[in-house]
Amino acid sequence: MQADTPAPAELDGHRRQWQMRIMNSLLKNICVYCGSGHGRNPDYTEAARQLGKAMAGAEIGLVYGGGSIGLMGEIARAVLDNGGYVTGIIPEFLSNREIMLTDVQELIITHSMHERKQVMFERSDAFVALPGGIGTLEELVEQLTWSQLGQHTKPVILADVNNFWSPFLTLIDHMRREAFIQSEYEVHLTAVKEVQDVVPVAKSLVAKAAETADGKLSPEKF
């Protein structure tokens, strides 16, 4: 006896479920760059906490700089408090200055900043920048540069809390208008205004990158 052919609506439902499983499996860890201070706006702290909670709820691990102070400490504790997994990566010379968080499931102490950034890259499927200072900016720009030069296709997302990153986005647009960013070397950057959008946007972008690489996400048959 031949099996009944699924109805179109049922088939679409199967496809959506399959794509959601793929998206979830592709995005295992997000690297979050953020300040070792809190900044002057309490919304920054709240955003770090909300992002940590959302990541834990989605069973996405946090990869971060290993500190216990500022926004770094806030997001790490939020992930831990909500049952999530945290990997802290910190160079030895910063272990006292940034007071490394020893409560995390995995703590990696590196010899240098270069090693730290490389390990963070290798452990992560996407990158998110919360508000922060020069260190946060430097890490963000490095990932954008690597992406621009074709060294990775991992999503880079700005959590533009209270328009914190607006001056940076304006600078990127200025570089583009002045022809220092050209179409063949485009900057692949996604900005979101609401921190609760970070996880779903990251999932979508990771799936899109995989679809581009593999040709398609949907199976031939169900």
Protein backbone atom coordinates (compact mmCIF):
# COMPACT_ATOMS: atom_id res chain seq x y z
CA MET A 1 0.00 0.00 0.00
CA GLN A 2 1.34 3.40 -0.95
CA ALA A 3 1.58 6.01 1.81
CA ASP A 4 -0.70 9.02 1.56
CA THR A 5 0.94 12.15 0.19
CA PRO A 6 1.17 14.84 2.90
CA ALA A 7 -1.06 17.86 2.41
CA PRO A 8 0.73 21.14 1.49
CA ALA A 9 0.03 22.70 4.89
CA GLU A 10 1.37 19.60 6.66
CA LEU A 11 4.45 19.60 4.43
CA ASP A 12 5.12 23.27 5.19
CA GLY A 13 4.80 22.50 8.89
CA HIS A 14 7.35 19.70 8.60
CA ARG A 15 9.75 22.01 6.75
CA ARG A 16 9.46 24.70 9.42
CA GLN A 17 10.10 22.17 12.18
CA TRP A 18 13.09 20.76 10.31
CA GLN A 19 14.56 24.22 9.70
CA MET A 20 14.11 25.14 13.37
CA ARG A 21 16.02 22.00 14.43
CA ILE A 22 18.80 22.89 11.99
CA MET A 23 18.96 26.49 13.21
CA ASN A 24 19.14 25.39 16.84
CA SER A 25 21.84 22.82 16.18
CA LEU A 26 24.00 25.22 14.16
CA LEU A 27 24.03 27.89 16.86
CA LYS A 28 25.65 26.32 19.89
CA ASN A 29 27.66 29.26 21.28
CA ILE A 30 27.55 33.03 21.00
CA CYS A 31 30.60 35.12 21.80
CA VAL A 32 29.56 38.34 23.52
CA TYR A 33 31.87 41.34 23.60
CA CYS A 34 31.01 43.94 26.22
CA GLY A 35 32.44 46.37 28.76
CA SER A 36 34.26 45.50 31.96
CA GLY A 37 32.37 48.48 33.39
CA HIS A 38 28.63 49.09 33.65
CA GLY A 39 28.51 52.43 31.86
CA ARG A 40 26.35 55.25 33.12
CA ASN A 41 23.02 54.04 31.76
CA PRO A 42 21.35 51.25 33.78
CA ASP A 43 19.75 50.00 30.56
CA TYR A 44 23.11 48.55 29.58
CA THR A 45 23.17 46.34 32.65
CA GLU A 46 19.59 45.27 32.12
CA ALA A 47 20.33 44.43 28.48
CA ALA A 48 23.26 42.21 29.52
CA ARG A 49 21.05 40.39 32.01
CA GLN A 50 18.22 39.93 29.51
CA LEU A 51 20.56 38.64 26.82
CA GLY A 52 22.11 36.14 29.23
CA LYS A 53 18.68 34.90 30.26
CA ALA A 54 17.57 34.57 26.63
CA MET A 55 20.70 32.63 25.68
CA ALA A 56 20.28 30.21 28.56
CA GLY A 57 16.61 29.74 27.70
CA ALA A 58 17.54 28.92 24.11
CA GLU A 59 20.27 26.52 25.29
CA ILE A 60 22.97 28.63 23.65
CA GLY A 61 26.29 28.77 25.46
CA LEU A 62 28.09 32.00 26.27
CA VAL A 63 31.68 32.55 25.25
CA TYR A 64 33.07 35.72 26.78
CA GLY A 65 36.14 37.41 28.21
CA GLY A 66 36.10 35.66 31.58
CA GLY A 67 35.72 38.65 33.91
CA SER A 68 33.35 39.05 36.84
CA ILE A 69 32.94 42.83 36.72
CA GLY A 70 30.89 45.21 34.60
CA LEU A 71 28.65 43.97 31.82
CA MET A 72 30.91 40.94 31.42
CA GLY A 73 30.03 39.75 34.90
CA GLU A 74 26.35 40.60 34.45
CA ILE A 75 25.81 38.51 31.34
CA ALA A 76 27.84 35.57 32.64
CA ARG A 77 25.91 35.45 35.91
CA ALA A 78 22.60 35.79 34.07
CA VAL A 79 23.43 32.77 31.91
CA LEU A 80 24.53 30.77 34.97
CA ASP A 81 21.53 31.83 37.06
CA ASN A 82 19.21 30.57 34.32
CA GLY A 83 20.88 27.19 33.94
CA GLY A 84 23.09 27.99 30.95
CA TYR A 85 26.68 27.13 30.06
CA VAL A 86 29.50 29.67 30.20
CA THR A 87 33.01 29.52 28.79
CA GLY A 88 35.26 32.26 30.11
CA ILE A 89 38.49 33.01 28.24
CA ILE A 90 40.93 35.41 29.85
CA PRO A 91 44.65 36.16 29.46
CA GLU A 92 46.72 35.56 32.54
CA PHE A 93 47.73 39.21 32.96
CA LEU A 94 44.06 40.30 33.16
CA SER A 95 42.95 37.65 35.66
CA ASN A 96 43.32 40.04 38.59
CA ARG A 97 42.36 43.29 36.87
CA GLU A 98 39.09 41.93 35.52
CA ILE A 99 38.66 39.55 38.50
CA MET A 100 38.01 36.37 36.56
CA LEU A 101 34.74 34.59 37.29
CA THR A 102 35.57 31.15 38.65
CA ASP A 103 31.96 29.93 38.85
CA VAL A 104 31.76 29.23 35.12
CA GLN A 105 31.70 25.68 33.78
CA GLU A 106 34.82 26.22 31.68
CA LEU A 107 37.58 28.74 32.35
CA ILE A 108 40.45 29.03 29.88
CA ILE A 109 43.50 31.12 30.81
CA THR A 110 45.59 32.13 27.80
CA HIS A 111 49.10 33.50 27.50
CA SER A 112 48.17 36.56 25.44
CA MET A 113 45.33 38.67 24.07
CA HIS A 114 45.95 37.22 20.60
CA GLU A 115 45.50 33.68 21.90
CA ARG A 116 42.39 34.71 23.82
CA LYS A 117 40.76 36.18 20.72
CA GLN A 118 41.63 33.17 18.60
CA VAL A 119 40.13 30.73 21.12
CA MET A 120 37.01 32.90 21.44
CA PHE A 121 36.65 32.82 17.67
CA GLU A 122 37.10 29.06 17.46
CA ARG A 123 34.55 28.38 20.23
CA SER A 124 31.81 30.60 18.77
CA ASP A 125 29.19 30.41 16.04
CA ALA A 126 28.20 34.10 16.16
CA PHE A 127 29.40 37.35 17.72
CA VAL A 128 27.41 39.99 19.58
CA ALA A 129 28.61 43.36 20.81
CA LEU A 130 26.88 44.96 23.77
CA PRO A 131 27.95 48.47 24.88
CA GLY A 132 31.59 48.70 25.89
CA GLY A 133 34.84 50.61 25.45
CA ILE A 134 37.92 50.42 23.25
CA GLY A 135 38.49 46.72 23.94
CA THR A 136 34.94 45.86 22.89
CA LEU A 137 35.30 48.01 19.77
CA GLU A 138 38.64 46.43 18.86
CA GLU A 139 37.26 42.88 19.16
CA LEU A 140 34.18 43.82 17.14
CA VAL A 141 36.17 45.46 14.34
CA GLU A 142 38.54 42.50 14.13
CA GLN A 143 35.66 40.12 13.47
CA LEU A 144 34.23 42.52 10.89
CA THR A 145 37.62 42.69 9.17
CA TRP A 146 38.01 38.90 9.09
CA SER A 147 34.50 38.61 7.66
CA GLN A 148 35.18 41.35 5.10
CA LEU A 149 38.28 39.48 3.91
CA GLY A 150 36.38 36.22 3.60
CA GLN A 151 37.95 34.46 6.58
CA HIS A 152 34.59 33.54 8.14
CA THR A 153 30.85 33.79 7.58
CA LYS A 154 29.80 33.87 11.23
CA PRO A 155 27.20 36.56 12.01
CA VAL A 156 28.31 39.76 13.73
CA ILE A 157 25.49 41.53 15.57
CA LEU A 158 25.34 44.88 17.34
CA ALA A 159 22.98 45.14 20.31
CA ASP A 160 22.33 48.84 19.77
CA VAL A 161 20.98 49.49 23.27
CA ASN A 162 19.68 53.06 23.50
CA ASN A 163 21.48 53.87 20.23
CA PHE A 164 24.86 53.21 21.84
CA TRP A 165 26.34 52.01 18.54
CA SER A 166 24.73 54.69 16.35
CA PRO A 167 27.96 56.76 16.00
CA PHE A 168 29.82 53.64 14.87
CA LEU A 169 27.11 52.80 12.32
CA THR A 170 27.30 56.39 11.07
CA LEU A 171 31.07 56.00 10.65
CA ILE A 172 30.59 52.78 8.66
CA ASP A 173 28.13 54.57 6.37
CA HIS A 174 30.62 57.44 5.97
CA MET A 175 33.39 54.98 5.00
CA ARG A 176 31.03 53.44 2.46
CA ARG A 177 30.10 56.81 0.94
CA GLU A 178 33.78 57.76 0.71
CA ALA A 179 34.49 54.51 -1.16
CA PHE A 180 36.71 52.98 1.52
CA ILE A 181 34.17 50.16 1.83
CA GLN A 182 33.34 48.79 -1.60
CA SER A 183 30.78 46.25 -2.69
CA GLU A 184 33.25 43.40 -3.14
CA TYR A 185 34.50 43.96 0.44
CA GLU A 186 31.24 44.79 2.15
CA VAL A 187 31.00 44.96 5.94
CA HIS A 188 28.62 42.24 7.09
CA LEU A 189 27.05 43.70 10.22
CA THR A 190 23.54 43.45 11.65
CA ALA A 191 22.22 45.90 14.23
CA VAL A 192 19.20 45.22 16.45
CA LYS A 193 17.52 47.74 18.70
CA GLU A 194 15.93 45.31 21.13
CA VAL A 195 18.11 42.85 23.01
CA GLN A 196 15.38 40.19 22.90
CA ASP A 197 15.86 40.11 19.12
CA VAL A 198 19.52 39.05 19.35
CA VAL A 199 18.97 35.30 19.71
CA PRO A 200 16.34 34.88 16.95
CA VAL A 201 18.34 37.11 14.59
CA ALA A 202 21.52 35.14 15.32
CA LYS A 203 19.73 31.84 14.65
CA SER A 204 18.37 33.14 11.37
CA LEU A 205 21.74 34.49 10.20
CA VAL A 206 23.60 31.28 11.10
CA ALA A 207 21.03 29.25 9.17
CA LYS A 208 21.27 31.63 6.21
CA ALA A 209 25.08 31.33 6.16
CA ALA A 210 24.78 27.53 6.19
CA GLU A 211 22.18 27.63 3.42
CA THR A 212 24.50 29.75 1.27
CA ALA A 213 27.40 27.38 1.91
CA ASP A 214 25.48 24.14 1.40
CA GLY A 215 23.07 25.25 -1.30
CA LYS A 216 19.90 24.60 0.67
CA LEU A 217 18.56 23.71 4.09
CA SER A 218 15.35 21.92 3.19
CA PRO A 219 15.50 18.15 2.61
CA GLU A 220 14.31 16.75 -0.73
CA LYS A 221 11.64 14.61 0.94
CA PHE A 222 9.88 14.20 4.27
